[in-house]
């Protein structure tokens, strides 16, 4: 079965790639989860659009990735969250919360799927890992405060 990836799939490809997979994998797993769509002749136009969007967000080369890493590690990221008197949060900090806080602090636009935030459920200082590129990973310190 020929499909067009709409999301990055480990071991298969990145958005916009046209790949061939077994029928069951494509029909029962990738397509229903929105990770891919069946390939059609009209889908080629969508492939071009997906690739243009990916190129706009993509890191150009290793030097650019290191530059973005330094920028991320130099940011003072503060995430306000609702918390109780003991310092425990009502909920937890998600990847989307972290990405929004980085953007608010003047950092680059990140994909929430490239961020790894461990289970943050308390006020204080924490670290998150950001995959800037396959070769470069940034460790970003952030502070959770009570709002």
N, C-alpha and C. Protein backbone atom coordinates (compact mmCIF):
# COMPACT_ATOMS: atom_id res chain seq x y z
N UNK A 1 0.86 -1.18 0.00
CA UNK A 1 0.00 0.00 0.00
C UNK A 1 0.89 1.23 0.00
N UNK A 2 0.59 2.17 -0.86
CA UNK A 2 1.34 3.41 -0.95
C UNK A 2 0.61 4.46 -0.14
N UNK A 3 1.36 5.13 0.78
CA UNK A 3 0.75 6.16 1.62
C UNK A 3 1.62 7.41 1.63
N UNK A 4 1.02 8.50 2.07
CA UNK A 4 1.73 9.77 2.24
C UNK A 4 1.73 10.06 3.74
N UNK A 5 2.91 10.20 4.32
CA UNK A 5 3.01 10.47 5.76
C UNK A 5 2.61 11.91 6.05
N UNK A 6 1.81 12.09 7.10
CA UNK A 6 1.43 13.44 7.53
C UNK A 6 2.10 13.81 8.84
N UNK A 7 2.70 12.82 9.51
CA UNK A 7 3.46 13.04 10.73
C UNK A 7 4.74 12.22 10.64
N UNK A 8 5.71 12.57 11.47
CA UNK A 8 6.95 11.81 11.51
C UNK A 8 6.70 10.46 12.18
N UNK A 9 7.14 9.38 11.53
CA UNK A 9 6.98 8.03 12.06
C UNK A 9 8.38 7.42 12.14
N UNK A 10 8.79 7.02 13.35
CA UNK A 10 10.12 6.44 13.54
C UNK A 10 10.31 5.23 12.63
N UNK A 11 11.44 5.19 11.94
CA UNK A 11 11.77 4.07 11.09
C UNK A 11 11.07 4.07 9.75
N UNK A 12 10.23 5.07 9.49
CA UNK A 12 9.49 5.10 8.24
C UNK A 12 9.75 6.36 7.44
N UNK A 13 9.65 7.52 8.08
CA UNK A 13 9.89 8.76 7.35
C UNK A 13 9.34 9.97 8.06
N UNK A 14 9.38 11.07 7.35
CA UNK A 14 8.94 12.36 7.87
C UNK A 14 7.73 12.84 7.06
N UNK A 15 7.01 13.84 7.55
CA UNK A 15 5.83 14.32 6.82
C UNK A 15 6.15 14.68 5.37
N UNK A 16 5.28 14.23 4.47
CA UNK A 16 5.46 14.51 3.06
C UNK A 16 6.11 13.37 2.30
N UNK A 17 6.66 12.39 2.98
CA UNK A 17 7.28 11.26 2.30
C UNK A 17 6.21 10.32 1.77
N UNK A 18 6.44 9.80 0.58
CA UNK A 18 5.57 8.78 0.01
C UNK A 18 6.28 7.45 0.23
N UNK A 19 5.67 6.55 1.01
CA UNK A 19 6.29 5.28 1.34
C UNK A 19 5.32 4.14 1.04
N UNK A 20 5.89 2.95 0.90
CA UNK A 20 5.09 1.75 0.70
C UNK A 20 5.17 0.91 1.97
N UNK A 21 4.01 0.57 2.52
CA UNK A 21 3.93 -0.25 3.73
C UNK A 21 2.97 -1.41 3.48
N UNK A 22 2.95 -2.36 4.38
CA UNK A 22 2.01 -3.46 4.27
C UNK A 22 0.59 -2.92 4.43
N UNK A 23 -0.35 -3.55 3.74
CA UNK A 23 -1.73 -3.06 3.72
C UNK A 23 -2.32 -2.90 5.11
N UNK A 24 -2.17 -3.90 5.97
CA UNK A 24 -2.76 -3.85 7.31
C UNK A 24 -2.18 -2.74 8.16
N UNK A 25 -0.86 -2.51 8.08
CA UNK A 25 -0.20 -1.47 8.86
C UNK A 25 -0.73 -0.09 8.45
N UNK A 26 -0.85 0.12 7.15
CA UNK A 26 -1.34 1.41 6.68
C UNK A 26 -2.81 1.62 6.98
N UNK A 27 -3.65 0.61 6.65
CA UNK A 27 -5.09 0.73 6.77
C UNK A 27 -5.58 0.71 8.22
N UNK A 28 -4.93 -0.10 9.07
CA UNK A 28 -5.42 -0.27 10.43
C UNK A 28 -4.69 0.56 11.49
N UNK A 29 -3.51 1.08 11.17
CA UNK A 29 -2.74 1.81 12.19
C UNK A 29 -2.45 3.25 11.75
N UNK A 30 -1.76 3.42 10.64
CA UNK A 30 -1.30 4.75 10.26
C UNK A 30 -2.43 5.69 9.84
N UNK A 31 -3.31 5.25 8.97
CA UNK A 31 -4.37 6.12 8.46
C UNK A 31 -5.38 6.48 9.55
N UNK A 32 -5.90 5.52 10.36
CA UNK A 32 -6.87 5.92 11.39
C UNK A 32 -6.31 6.86 12.44
N UNK A 33 -5.02 6.80 12.72
CA UNK A 33 -4.41 7.67 13.72
C UNK A 33 -3.97 9.02 13.14
N UNK A 34 -4.22 9.24 11.87
CA UNK A 34 -3.89 10.51 11.25
C UNK A 34 -2.41 10.69 10.96
N UNK A 35 -1.65 9.60 11.00
CA UNK A 35 -0.22 9.68 10.74
C UNK A 35 0.08 9.62 9.25
N UNK A 36 -0.90 9.18 8.46
CA UNK A 36 -0.72 9.05 7.02
C UNK A 36 -2.07 9.14 6.33
N UNK A 37 -2.01 9.34 5.02
CA UNK A 37 -3.23 9.29 4.22
C UNK A 37 -2.94 8.45 2.99
N UNK A 38 -3.95 7.81 2.45
CA UNK A 38 -3.71 6.98 1.27
C UNK A 38 -3.18 7.83 0.12
N UNK A 39 -2.30 7.24 -0.66
CA UNK A 39 -1.72 7.95 -1.78
C UNK A 39 -2.71 8.03 -2.92
N UNK A 40 -2.87 9.23 -3.48
CA UNK A 40 -3.68 9.44 -4.67
C UNK A 40 -2.92 10.40 -5.57
N UNK A 41 -3.36 10.49 -6.81
CA UNK A 41 -2.71 11.42 -7.74
C UNK A 41 -2.87 12.86 -7.25
N UNK A 42 -4.04 13.19 -6.69
CA UNK A 42 -4.26 14.54 -6.14
C UNK A 42 -3.47 14.78 -4.87
N UNK A 43 -3.08 13.70 -4.22
CA UNK A 43 -2.28 13.81 -3.00
C UNK A 43 -0.90 14.36 -3.25
N UNK A 44 -0.42 14.27 -4.47
CA UNK A 44 0.91 14.81 -4.80
C UNK A 44 0.98 16.31 -4.53
N UNK A 45 -0.13 17.02 -4.76
CA UNK A 45 -0.16 18.46 -4.48
C UNK A 45 -0.03 18.70 -2.98
N UNK A 46 -0.69 17.85 -2.19
CA UNK A 46 -0.60 17.98 -0.75
C UNK A 46 0.80 17.66 -0.26
N UNK A 47 1.49 16.71 -0.92
CA UNK A 47 2.87 16.38 -0.56
C UNK A 47 3.75 17.61 -0.72
N UNK A 48 3.58 18.32 -1.81
CA UNK A 48 4.38 19.52 -2.04
C UNK A 48 4.11 20.57 -0.96
N UNK A 49 2.85 20.71 -0.57
CA UNK A 49 2.49 21.68 0.47
C UNK A 49 3.08 21.28 1.82
N UNK A 50 3.02 19.99 2.16
CA UNK A 50 3.57 19.50 3.42
C UNK A 50 5.07 19.72 3.45
N UNK A 51 5.75 19.46 2.34
CA UNK A 51 7.21 19.63 2.29
C UNK A 51 7.61 21.10 2.41
N UNK A 52 6.83 22.00 1.81
CA UNK A 52 7.13 23.43 1.95
C UNK A 52 7.00 23.86 3.40
N UNK A 53 5.96 23.39 4.08
CA UNK A 53 5.77 23.74 5.49
C UNK A 53 6.89 23.17 6.34
N UNK A 54 7.32 21.94 6.04
CA UNK A 54 8.40 21.32 6.81
C UNK A 54 9.72 22.06 6.59
N UNK A 55 9.99 22.48 5.36
CA UNK A 55 11.23 23.21 5.07
C UNK A 55 11.28 24.55 5.80
N UNK A 56 10.13 25.18 6.01
CA UNK A 56 10.10 26.46 6.71
C UNK A 56 10.46 26.28 8.19
N UNK A 57 10.09 25.12 8.79
CA UNK A 57 10.37 24.89 10.21
C UNK A 57 11.70 24.19 10.44
N UNK A 58 12.21 23.55 9.43
CA UNK A 58 13.33 22.64 9.60
C UNK A 58 14.66 23.36 9.89
N UNK A 59 15.48 22.68 10.61
CA UNK A 59 16.83 23.18 10.89
C UNK A 59 17.67 22.96 9.63
N UNK A 60 18.38 23.99 9.20
CA UNK A 60 19.08 23.92 7.92
C UNK A 60 20.27 22.97 7.93
N UNK A 61 21.14 23.09 8.94
CA UNK A 61 22.32 22.23 8.99
C UNK A 61 22.80 22.11 10.44
N UNK A 62 23.90 21.43 10.64
CA UNK A 62 24.39 21.18 11.99
C UNK A 62 24.77 22.48 12.71
N UNK A 63 25.35 23.42 11.98
CA UNK A 63 25.73 24.70 12.58
C UNK A 63 24.49 25.46 13.06
N UNK A 64 23.43 25.43 12.26
CA UNK A 64 22.19 26.10 12.64
C UNK A 64 21.57 25.41 13.85
N UNK A 65 21.65 24.08 13.90
CA UNK A 65 21.12 23.33 15.04
C UNK A 65 21.85 23.70 16.32
N UNK A 66 23.16 23.83 16.26
CA UNK A 66 23.93 24.21 17.44
C UNK A 66 23.60 25.64 17.88
N UNK A 67 23.34 26.50 16.91
CA UNK A 67 22.96 27.88 17.20
C UNK A 67 21.62 27.92 17.93
N UNK A 68 20.66 27.13 17.46
CA UNK A 68 19.35 27.05 18.11
C UNK A 68 19.48 26.45 19.50
N UNK A 69 20.36 25.46 19.65
CA UNK A 69 20.60 24.83 20.96
C UNK A 69 21.11 25.86 21.96
N UNK A 70 22.09 26.66 21.55
CA UNK A 70 22.63 27.70 22.44
C UNK A 70 21.56 28.72 22.81
N UNK A 71 20.72 29.07 21.84
CA UNK A 71 19.65 30.03 22.10
C UNK A 71 18.67 29.45 23.13
N UNK A 72 18.31 28.18 22.97
CA UNK A 72 17.38 27.54 23.91
C UNK A 72 17.96 27.45 25.30
N UNK A 73 19.22 27.06 25.40
CA UNK A 73 19.84 26.88 26.71
C UNK A 73 20.07 28.20 27.43
N UNK A 74 20.07 29.31 26.69
CA UNK A 74 20.26 30.62 27.30
C UNK A 74 18.96 31.29 27.74
N UNK A 75 17.84 30.69 27.45
CA UNK A 75 16.54 31.29 27.79
C UNK A 75 16.20 31.13 29.27
N UNK A 76 15.47 32.09 29.79
CA UNK A 76 14.93 32.00 31.15
C UNK A 76 13.44 31.71 30.98
N UNK A 77 13.09 30.43 31.01
CA UNK A 77 11.72 30.00 30.77
C UNK A 77 10.99 29.87 32.11
N UNK A 78 9.86 30.57 32.23
CA UNK A 78 9.04 30.52 33.44
C UNK A 78 7.64 30.09 33.03
N UNK A 79 7.13 29.06 33.72
CA UNK A 79 5.79 28.56 33.42
C UNK A 79 4.91 28.77 34.65
N UNK A 80 3.93 29.66 34.56
CA UNK A 80 3.00 29.82 35.69
C UNK A 80 1.96 28.70 35.66
N UNK A 81 1.64 28.15 36.83
CA UNK A 81 0.66 27.08 36.91
C UNK A 81 -0.09 27.17 38.22
N UNK A 82 -1.30 26.64 38.24
CA UNK A 82 -2.08 26.63 39.48
C UNK A 82 -1.51 25.57 40.41
N UNK A 83 -1.32 25.96 41.67
CA UNK A 83 -0.73 25.04 42.64
C UNK A 83 -1.39 25.22 44.00
N UNK A 84 -1.29 24.18 44.82
CA UNK A 84 -1.81 24.23 46.17
C UNK A 84 -0.80 24.85 47.11
N UNK A 85 -1.15 24.95 48.36
CA UNK A 85 -0.27 25.56 49.36
C UNK A 85 1.01 24.75 49.57
N UNK A 86 0.96 23.46 49.36
CA UNK A 86 2.15 22.62 49.56
C UNK A 86 3.10 22.64 48.37
N UNK A 87 2.73 23.32 47.30
CA UNK A 87 3.61 23.41 46.14
C UNK A 87 3.31 22.39 45.06
N UNK A 88 2.31 21.56 45.26
CA UNK A 88 1.92 20.58 44.24
C UNK A 88 0.99 21.24 43.24
N UNK A 89 1.20 20.90 41.97
CA UNK A 89 0.38 21.49 40.91
C UNK A 89 -0.96 20.78 40.80
N UNK A 90 -1.95 21.53 40.35
CA UNK A 90 -3.24 20.95 39.98
C UNK A 90 -3.10 20.50 38.53
N UNK A 91 -2.65 19.29 38.30
CA UNK A 91 -2.35 18.81 36.96
C UNK A 91 -0.85 18.69 36.82
N UNK A 92 -0.36 18.82 35.60
CA UNK A 92 1.08 18.76 35.37
C UNK A 92 1.44 19.65 34.19
N UNK A 93 2.72 19.84 33.99
CA UNK A 93 3.22 20.65 32.88
C UNK A 93 3.37 19.73 31.68
N UNK A 94 2.76 20.10 30.56
CA UNK A 94 2.81 19.29 29.35
C UNK A 94 3.82 19.86 28.35
N UNK A 95 4.08 19.10 27.30
CA UNK A 95 4.98 19.57 26.25
C UNK A 95 4.44 20.86 25.62
N UNK A 96 3.13 20.94 25.43
CA UNK A 96 2.53 22.13 24.84
C UNK A 96 2.72 23.34 25.74
N UNK A 97 2.60 23.16 27.05
CA UNK A 97 2.83 24.27 27.99
C UNK A 97 4.26 24.76 27.87
N UNK A 98 5.20 23.82 27.77
CA UNK A 98 6.61 24.18 27.67
C UNK A 98 6.89 24.93 26.36
N UNK A 99 6.34 24.44 25.25
CA UNK A 99 6.55 25.09 23.95
C UNK A 99 6.00 26.51 23.97
N UNK A 100 4.82 26.71 24.56
CA UNK A 100 4.23 28.05 24.65
C UNK A 100 5.10 28.97 25.51
N UNK A 101 5.65 28.44 26.60
CA UNK A 101 6.50 29.26 27.48
C UNK A 101 7.80 29.64 26.79
N UNK A 102 8.37 28.72 26.02
CA UNK A 102 9.60 29.02 25.27
C UNK A 102 9.33 30.12 24.26
N UNK A 103 8.21 30.03 23.57
CA UNK A 103 7.85 31.04 22.57
C UNK A 103 7.64 32.39 23.25
N UNK A 104 6.98 32.39 24.42
CA UNK A 104 6.72 33.63 25.15
C UNK A 104 8.02 34.25 25.66
N UNK A 105 9.02 33.41 25.98
CA UNK A 105 10.31 33.90 26.47
C UNK A 105 11.20 34.40 25.34
N UNK A 106 10.71 34.32 24.09
CA UNK A 106 11.49 34.82 22.96
C UNK A 106 12.29 33.76 22.25
N UNK A 107 11.99 32.52 22.51
CA UNK A 107 12.69 31.42 21.86
C UNK A 107 12.08 31.05 20.52
N UNK A 108 12.66 30.08 19.85
CA UNK A 108 12.15 29.67 18.54
C UNK A 108 10.86 28.87 18.67
N UNK A 109 10.13 28.77 17.58
CA UNK A 109 8.93 27.96 17.54
C UNK A 109 9.34 26.49 17.49
N UNK A 110 8.87 25.72 18.46
CA UNK A 110 9.24 24.31 18.56
C UNK A 110 8.05 23.43 18.26
N UNK A 111 8.34 22.21 17.85
CA UNK A 111 7.31 21.20 17.67
C UNK A 111 7.17 20.47 19.00
N UNK A 112 5.96 20.37 19.52
CA UNK A 112 5.77 19.76 20.83
C UNK A 112 6.20 18.30 20.85
N UNK A 113 6.26 17.65 19.69
CA UNK A 113 6.69 16.25 19.65
C UNK A 113 8.20 16.12 19.79
N UNK A 114 8.94 17.22 19.66
CA UNK A 114 10.39 17.16 19.82
C UNK A 114 10.83 17.48 21.25
N UNK A 115 9.86 17.71 22.14
CA UNK A 115 10.15 18.08 23.52
C UNK A 115 9.86 16.91 24.45
N UNK A 116 10.76 16.68 25.41
CA UNK A 116 10.56 15.66 26.43
C UNK A 116 10.59 16.34 27.80
N UNK A 117 9.41 16.48 28.39
CA UNK A 117 9.29 17.05 29.73
C UNK A 117 8.90 15.90 30.65
N UNK A 118 9.76 15.64 31.66
CA UNK A 118 9.41 14.57 32.60
C UNK A 118 8.19 15.02 33.41
N UNK A 119 7.61 14.15 34.15
CA UNK A 119 6.37 14.43 34.89
C UNK A 119 6.61 15.53 35.92
N UNK A 120 6.28 16.74 35.56
CA UNK A 120 6.46 17.90 36.44
C UNK A 120 5.15 18.14 37.17
N UNK A 121 5.17 17.93 38.47
CA UNK A 121 3.96 18.10 39.27
C UNK A 121 4.19 18.98 40.49
N UNK A 122 5.36 19.65 40.55
CA UNK A 122 5.67 20.52 41.68
C UNK A 122 6.26 21.83 41.20
N UNK A 123 6.14 22.84 42.05
CA UNK A 123 6.75 24.14 41.78
C UNK A 123 8.25 23.99 41.97
N UNK A 124 9.02 24.72 41.16
CA UNK A 124 10.47 24.70 41.30
C UNK A 124 11.16 24.66 39.95
N UNK A 125 12.46 24.35 39.99
CA UNK A 125 13.27 24.27 38.78
C UNK A 125 13.28 22.86 38.23
N UNK A 126 13.18 22.76 36.92
CA UNK A 126 13.15 21.47 36.24
C UNK A 126 13.92 21.58 34.93
N UNK A 127 14.13 20.45 34.27
CA UNK A 127 14.82 20.43 32.98
C UNK A 127 13.96 19.71 31.96
N UNK A 128 14.08 20.15 30.72
CA UNK A 128 13.41 19.50 29.60
C UNK A 128 14.45 19.26 28.51
N UNK A 129 14.25 18.19 27.76
CA UNK A 129 15.14 17.90 26.64
C UNK A 129 14.41 18.23 25.35
N UNK A 130 15.13 18.91 24.44
CA UNK A 130 14.56 19.28 23.16
C UNK A 130 15.45 18.71 22.06
N UNK A 131 14.86 17.89 21.19
CA UNK A 131 15.60 17.37 20.03
C UNK A 131 15.57 18.43 18.95
N UNK A 132 16.66 19.17 18.83
CA UNK A 132 16.74 20.22 17.83
C UNK A 132 16.91 19.59 16.45
N UNK A 133 17.74 18.58 16.36
CA UNK A 133 17.95 17.79 15.14
C UNK A 133 18.32 16.38 15.59
N UNK A 134 18.42 15.44 14.68
CA UNK A 134 18.79 14.08 15.10
C UNK A 134 20.13 14.01 15.84
N UNK A 135 21.05 14.92 15.54
CA UNK A 135 22.36 14.89 16.16
C UNK A 135 22.49 15.80 17.38
N UNK A 136 21.60 16.78 17.51
CA UNK A 136 21.74 17.81 18.55
C UNK A 136 20.52 17.79 19.48
N UNK A 137 20.80 17.70 20.78
CA UNK A 137 19.76 17.75 21.80
C UNK A 137 20.10 18.84 22.81
N UNK A 138 19.14 19.70 23.09
CA UNK A 138 19.35 20.77 24.05
C UNK A 138 18.69 20.41 25.37
N UNK A 139 19.34 20.79 26.47
CA UNK A 139 18.78 20.61 27.79
C UNK A 139 18.40 22.01 28.29
N UNK A 140 17.10 22.24 28.44
CA UNK A 140 16.60 23.57 28.77
C UNK A 140 16.06 23.57 30.21
N UNK A 141 16.58 24.48 31.02
CA UNK A 141 16.11 24.63 32.39
C UNK A 141 14.88 25.55 32.37
N UNK A 142 13.89 25.20 33.18
CA UNK A 142 12.72 26.06 33.30
C UNK A 142 12.23 26.05 34.74
N UNK A 143 11.50 27.09 35.09
CA UNK A 143 11.00 27.24 36.44
C UNK A 143 9.47 27.25 36.40
N UNK A 144 8.88 26.48 37.30
CA UNK A 144 7.42 26.47 37.43
C UNK A 144 7.08 27.32 38.66
N UNK A 145 6.21 28.30 38.46
CA UNK A 145 5.81 29.17 39.56
C UNK A 145 4.31 29.05 39.79
N UNK A 146 3.88 29.39 41.00
CA UNK A 146 2.45 29.39 41.30
C UNK A 146 1.80 30.64 40.74
N UNK A 147 0.67 30.46 40.12
CA UNK A 147 -0.03 31.63 39.56
C UNK A 147 -1.21 32.02 40.41
